[in-house]
């Protein structure tokens, strides 16, 4: 069912691919909006290869946008974690510096 520059899809396949209801596709066939043919009582809709390329590009763009959003969230989480760790290091360094500079408490003298 392939042609040189496109493919013929069944109504169900075209419906799933374009995310359009079957009744809408049948209505478009009836009104000659879609290029179609009938074989053995079944309708097939012509789908041009340039549309496939466009759909692939749209899918790739969507995939990249989702990946970008995921990476942004990871950067934000890692940045927050990094801030928390810096704060802890600063606290530990302050405690360490205070411990070194402070004189130990005097021991009580027993007579």
C-alpha atoms as a PDB file:
ATOM      1  CA  UNK A   1       0.000   0.000   0.000  1.00  0.00           C
ATOM      2  CA  UNK A   2       3.005   2.337  -0.186  1.00  0.00           C
ATOM      3  CA  UNK A   3       3.432   4.955  -2.867  1.00  0.00           C
ATOM      4  CA  UNK A   4       6.604   6.794  -3.810  1.00  0.00           C
ATOM      5  CA  UNK A   5       6.124   9.809  -1.564  1.00  0.00           C
ATOM      6  CA  UNK A   6       3.575   8.690   1.029  1.00  0.00           C
ATOM      7  CA  UNK A   7       1.533   5.840   2.461  1.00  0.00           C
ATOM      8  CA  UNK A   8      -2.100   4.807   2.556  1.00  0.00           C
ATOM      9  CA  UNK A   9      -3.408   4.368   6.100  1.00  0.00           C
ATOM     10  CA  UNK A  10      -6.587   2.691   7.259  1.00  0.00           C
ATOM     11  CA  UNK A  11      -9.169   4.875   8.968  1.00  0.00           C
ATOM     12  CA  UNK A  12      -8.222   3.404  12.343  1.00  0.00           C
ATOM     13  CA  UNK A  13      -4.487   3.966  11.796  1.00  0.00           C
ATOM     14  CA  UNK A  14      -5.045   7.516  10.547  1.00  0.00           C
ATOM     15  CA  UNK A  15      -7.342   8.187  13.503  1.00  0.00           C
ATOM     16  CA  UNK A  16      -4.726   7.039  16.018  1.00  0.00           C
ATOM     17  CA  UNK A  17      -1.892   8.804  14.235  1.00  0.00           C
ATOM     18  CA  UNK A  18      -3.676  12.165  13.896  1.00  0.00           C
ATOM     19  CA  UNK A  19      -5.603  11.817  17.179  1.00  0.00           C
ATOM     20  CA  UNK A  20      -8.904  12.506  15.386  1.00  0.00           C
ATOM     21  CA  UNK A  21     -12.139  10.612  15.828  1.00  0.00           C
ATOM     22  CA  UNK A  22     -13.167   8.034  13.241  1.00  0.00           C
ATOM     23  CA  UNK A  23     -16.471   9.854  12.671  1.00  0.00           C
ATOM     24  CA  UNK A  24     -14.566  13.042  11.810  1.00  0.00           C
ATOM     25  CA  UNK A  25     -12.418  11.136   9.330  1.00  0.00           C
ATOM     26  CA  UNK A  26     -15.496   9.543   7.730  1.00  0.00           C
ATOM     27  CA  UNK A  27     -17.123  12.972   7.488  1.00  0.00           C
ATOM     28  CA  UNK A  28     -13.984  14.340   5.805  1.00  0.00           C
ATOM     29  CA  UNK A  29     -13.982  11.424   3.370  1.00  0.00           C
ATOM     30  CA  UNK A  30     -17.654  12.043   2.556  1.00  0.00           C
ATOM     31  CA  UNK A  31     -16.915  15.746   1.916  1.00  0.00           C
ATOM     32  CA  UNK A  32     -13.743  14.950  -0.087  1.00  0.00           C
ATOM     33  CA  UNK A  33     -11.559  16.861   2.369  1.00  0.00           C
ATOM     34  CA  UNK A  34      -9.093  13.977   2.647  1.00  0.00           C
ATOM     35  CA  UNK A  35      -7.397  12.201  -0.234  1.00  0.00           C
ATOM     36  CA  UNK A  36      -8.744   8.662   0.028  1.00  0.00           C
ATOM     37  CA  UNK A  37      -9.383   5.459  -1.854  1.00  0.00           C
ATOM     38  CA  UNK A  38     -11.626   2.462  -1.348  1.00  0.00           C
ATOM     39  CA  UNK A  39     -10.406  -1.132  -1.600  1.00  0.00           C
ATOM     40  CA  UNK A  40     -12.689  -4.090  -0.901  1.00  0.00           C
ATOM     41  CA  UNK A  41     -15.155  -1.853   0.953  1.00  0.00           C
ATOM     42  CA  UNK A  42     -12.459  -0.326   3.180  1.00  0.00           C
ATOM     43  CA  UNK A  43     -11.303   3.273   3.027  1.00  0.00           C
ATOM     44  CA  UNK A  44      -7.644   4.286   3.088  1.00  0.00           C
ATOM     45  CA  UNK A  45      -6.414   7.836   3.591  1.00  0.00           C
ATOM     46  CA  UNK A  46      -3.294   9.094   1.864  1.00  0.00           C
ATOM     47  CA  UNK A  47      -0.612  10.322   4.228  1.00  0.00           C
ATOM     48  CA  UNK A  48       2.190  12.302   2.556  1.00  0.00           C
ATOM     49  CA  UNK A  49       5.772  11.580   3.634  1.00  0.00           C
ATOM     50  CA  UNK A  50       6.451  15.270   4.335  1.00  0.00           C
ATOM     51  CA  UNK A  51       3.790  15.045   7.050  1.00  0.00           C
ATOM     52  CA  UNK A  52       5.679  12.085   8.530  1.00  0.00           C
ATOM     53  CA  UNK A  53       8.855  14.158   8.595  1.00  0.00           C
ATOM     54  CA  UNK A  54       7.030  17.043  10.232  1.00  0.00           C
ATOM     55  CA  UNK A  55       5.515  14.707  12.835  1.00  0.00           C
ATOM     56  CA  UNK A  56       8.941  13.195  13.554  1.00  0.00           C
ATOM     57  CA  UNK A  57      10.381  16.680  13.991  1.00  0.00           C
ATOM     58  CA  UNK A  58       7.520  17.612  16.329  1.00  0.00           C
ATOM     59  CA  UNK A  59       8.046  14.419  18.333  1.00  0.00           C
ATOM     60  CA  UNK A  60      11.780  15.124  18.569  1.00  0.00           C
ATOM     61  CA  UNK A  61      11.096  18.713  19.653  1.00  0.00           C
ATOM     62  CA  UNK A  62       8.673  17.514  22.324  1.00  0.00           C
ATOM     63  CA  UNK A  63      11.184  14.911  23.526  1.00  0.00           C
ATOM     64  CA  UNK A  64      13.893  17.567  23.763  1.00  0.00           C
ATOM     65  CA  UNK A  65      11.590  19.947  25.640  1.00  0.00           C
ATOM     66  CA  UNK A  66      10.750  17.217  28.151  1.00  0.00           C
ATOM     67  CA  UNK A  67      14.424  16.352  28.558  1.00  0.00           C
ATOM     68  CA  UNK A  68      15.264  20.037  29.067  1.00  0.00           C
ATOM     69  CA  UNK A  69      12.592  20.346  31.758  1.00  0.00           C
ATOM     70  CA  UNK A  70      13.928  17.239  33.503  1.00  0.00           C
ATOM     71  CA  UNK A  71      17.473  18.628  33.414  1.00  0.00           C
ATOM     72  CA  UNK A  72      16.285  21.979  34.800  1.00  0.00           C
ATOM     73  CA  UNK A  73      14.622  20.201  37.714  1.00  0.00           C
ATOM     74  CA  UNK A  74      17.772  18.178  38.364  1.00  0.00           C
ATOM     75  CA  UNK A  75      19.909  21.337  38.306  1.00  0.00           C
ATOM     76  CA  UNK A  76      17.537  23.001  40.769  1.00  0.00           C
ATOM     77  CA  UNK A  77      17.601  19.996  43.117  1.00  0.00           C
ATOM     78  CA  UNK A  78      21.386  19.743  42.934  1.00  0.00           C
ATOM     79  CA  UNK A  79      21.749  23.463  43.527  1.00  0.00           C
ATOM     80  CA  UNK A  80      19.568  23.237  46.644  1.00  0.00           C
ATOM     81  CA  UNK A  81      21.524  20.222  47.862  1.00  0.00           C
ATOM     82  CA  UNK A  82      24.783  22.072  47.218  1.00  0.00           C
ATOM     83  CA  UNK A  83      23.549  25.072  49.236  1.00  0.00           C
ATOM     84  CA  UNK A  84      22.608  22.837  52.151  1.00  0.00           C
ATOM     85  CA  UNK A  85      26.004  21.132  52.087  1.00  0.00           C
ATOM     86  CA  UNK A  86      27.826  24.492  52.009  1.00  0.00           C
ATOM     87  CA  UNK A  87      25.824  25.611  55.000  1.00  0.00           C
ATOM     88  CA  UNK A  88      26.792  22.457  56.897  1.00  0.00           C
ATOM     89  CA  UNK A  89      30.457  22.882  56.032  1.00  0.00           C
ATOM     90  CA  UNK A  90      30.331  26.483  57.264  1.00  0.00           C
ATOM     91  CA  UNK A  91      28.708  25.363  60.523  1.00  0.00           C
ATOM     92  CA  UNK A  92      31.287  22.632  61.080  1.00  0.00           C
ATOM     93  CA  UNK A  93      34.130  25.041  60.354  1.00  0.00           C
ATOM     94  CA  UNK A  94      32.701  27.552  62.845  1.00  0.00           C
ATOM     95  CA  UNK A  95      32.398  24.865  65.503  1.00  0.00           C
ATOM     96  CA  UNK A  96      35.944  23.691  64.771  1.00  0.00           C
ATOM     97  CA  UNK A  97      37.341  27.238  64.924  1.00  0.00           C
ATOM     98  CA  UNK A  98      35.480  27.968  68.156  1.00  0.00           C
ATOM     99  CA  UNK A  99      36.755  24.766  69.710  1.00  0.00           C
ATOM    100  CA  UNK A 100      40.374  25.552  68.791  1.00  0.00           C
ATOM    101  CA  UNK A 101      40.276  29.164  70.012  1.00  0.00           C
ATOM    102  CA  UNK A 102      38.413  28.499  73.228  1.00  0.00           C
ATOM    103  CA  UNK A 103      40.344  27.644  76.323  1.00  0.00           C
ATOM    104  CA  UNK A 104      39.315  24.399  77.838  1.00  0.00           C
ATOM    105  CA  UNK A 105      37.310  24.799  80.986  1.00  0.00           C
ATOM    106  CA  UNK A 106      39.246  24.732  84.202  1.00  0.00           C
ATOM    107  CA  UNK A 107      39.102  21.596  86.177  1.00  0.00           C
ATOM    108  CA  UNK A 108      37.831  21.910  89.678  1.00  0.00           C
ATOM    109  CA  UNK A 109      40.560  21.674  92.278  1.00  0.00           C
ATOM    110  CA  UNK A 110      40.104  19.249  95.059  1.00  0.00           C
ATOM    111  CA  UNK A 111      41.805  19.889  98.361  1.00  0.00           C
END
